[in-house]
Amino acid sequence: MDVIYGSKFDQKLYVLRGDTGAKIWSYTLSHQIDASPAVADVDGDGVMDIVLGDKNGKVYALSGPEAKNKAKDFLLNPQMQTGSEA
């Protein structure tokens, strides 16, 4: 079983081999990670996706070992990006 680790210090999500701890892949977010990653097949393609959010309100849906971001422009609260108060 692989390990998924989000680091708020370098803004990266890491996927590590569970047996050795070796890095399989990583993905750099635009801002500090602000949520625990969740794993599910969001698009029904049979490949598990990793969904998480950053401190600026952006939600990422990363697919497979290529870490292709499927939710690149989706924001939970667009006002958060501009720094406006809700």
Protein backbone atom coordinates (compact mmCIF):
# COMPACT_ATOMS: atom_id res chain seq x y z
CA MET A 1 0.00 0.00 0.00
CA ASP A 2 1.36 3.42 -0.96
CA VAL A 3 1.55 6.41 1.39
CA ILE A 4 0.16 9.85 0.51
CA TYR A 5 1.76 12.77 2.32
CA GLY A 6 0.97 16.48 1.93
CA SER A 7 3.68 18.85 3.13
CA LYS A 8 2.65 22.38 4.02
CA PHE A 9 6.32 23.38 4.23
CA ASP A 10 7.20 22.92 0.55
CA GLN A 11 3.63 22.95 -0.89
CA LYS A 12 4.04 19.43 -2.30
CA LEU A 13 1.96 16.30 -2.25
CA TYR A 14 4.06 13.13 -2.16
CA VAL A 15 3.14 9.55 -3.01
CA LEU A 16 5.59 7.11 -1.42
CA ARG A 17 6.02 3.34 -1.62
CA GLY A 18 4.60 1.87 1.56
CA ASP A 19 7.23 -0.86 1.81
CA THR A 20 10.38 1.25 1.23
CA GLY A 21 9.36 4.90 1.64
CA ALA A 22 10.79 5.66 -1.82
CA LYS A 23 9.12 8.54 -3.67
CA ILE A 24 6.86 7.42 -6.53
CA TRP A 25 5.85 10.94 -7.59
CA SER A 26 5.15 14.39 -6.21
CA TYR A 27 3.08 17.40 -7.23
CA THR A 28 3.68 21.04 -6.31
CA LEU A 29 0.59 23.07 -5.40
CA SER A 30 0.21 26.83 -5.92
CA HIS A 31 -0.12 27.50 -2.18
CA GLN A 32 0.31 25.79 1.17
CA ILE A 33 -1.67 22.56 1.60
CA ASP A 34 -4.64 23.19 3.89
CA ALA A 35 -6.52 19.89 3.86
CA SER A 36 -5.87 16.19 4.18
CA PRO A 37 -5.88 14.39 0.84
CA ALA A 38 -8.77 12.06 0.02
CA VAL A 39 -8.53 9.13 -2.39
CA ALA A 40 -11.39 8.08 -4.68
CA ASP A 41 -12.12 7.35 -8.32
CA VAL A 42 -13.76 10.75 -8.93
CA ASP A 43 -14.23 10.46 -12.69
CA GLY A 44 -15.11 6.75 -12.91
CA ASP A 45 -12.13 5.80 -15.10
CA GLY A 46 -10.96 2.99 -12.78
CA VAL A 47 -7.87 4.95 -11.64
CA MET A 48 -7.78 6.25 -8.07
CA ASP A 49 -7.53 10.04 -7.85
CA ILE A 50 -6.20 12.19 -5.01
CA VAL A 51 -8.29 15.23 -4.05
CA LEU A 52 -7.01 17.98 -1.75
CA GLY A 53 -7.18 21.73 -1.24
CA ASP A 54 -4.69 24.51 -0.71
CA LYS A 55 -4.70 27.49 1.64
CA ASN A 56 -5.97 29.78 -1.13
CA GLY A 57 -9.16 27.73 -1.65
CA LYS A 58 -8.07 25.87 -4.78
CA VAL A 59 -9.11 22.21 -5.03
CA TYR A 60 -6.89 19.73 -6.86
CA ALA A 61 -7.97 16.36 -8.27
CA LEU A 62 -4.80 14.52 -9.25
CA SER A 63 -5.02 11.41 -11.37
CA GLY A 64 -2.62 8.51 -11.39
CA PRO A 65 1.16 8.42 -11.52
CA GLU A 66 1.31 11.31 -14.00
CA ALA A 67 -0.32 13.53 -11.33
CA LYS A 68 -2.47 15.13 -14.02
CA ASN A 69 -4.58 17.82 -12.36
CA LYS A 70 -8.21 17.43 -13.40
CA ALA A 71 -9.54 20.37 -11.38
CA LYS A 72 -6.99 23.00 -12.28
CA ASP A 73 -9.26 26.05 -12.17
CA PHE A 74 -11.83 25.02 -9.58
CA LEU A 75 -11.95 27.27 -6.50
CA LEU A 76 -14.14 26.64 -3.46
CA ASN A 77 -14.37 30.37 -2.80
CA PRO A 78 -13.03 32.63 -5.58
CA GLN A 79 -12.95 35.58 -3.15
CA MET A 80 -10.24 33.82 -1.14
CA GLN A 81 -7.85 34.08 -4.09
CA THR A 82 -8.14 37.85 -4.29
CA GLY A 83 -7.92 38.29 -0.54
CA SER A 84 -11.44 39.79 -0.35
CA GLU A 85 -13.46 39.30 2.79
CA ALA A 86 -16.63 37.23 2.48
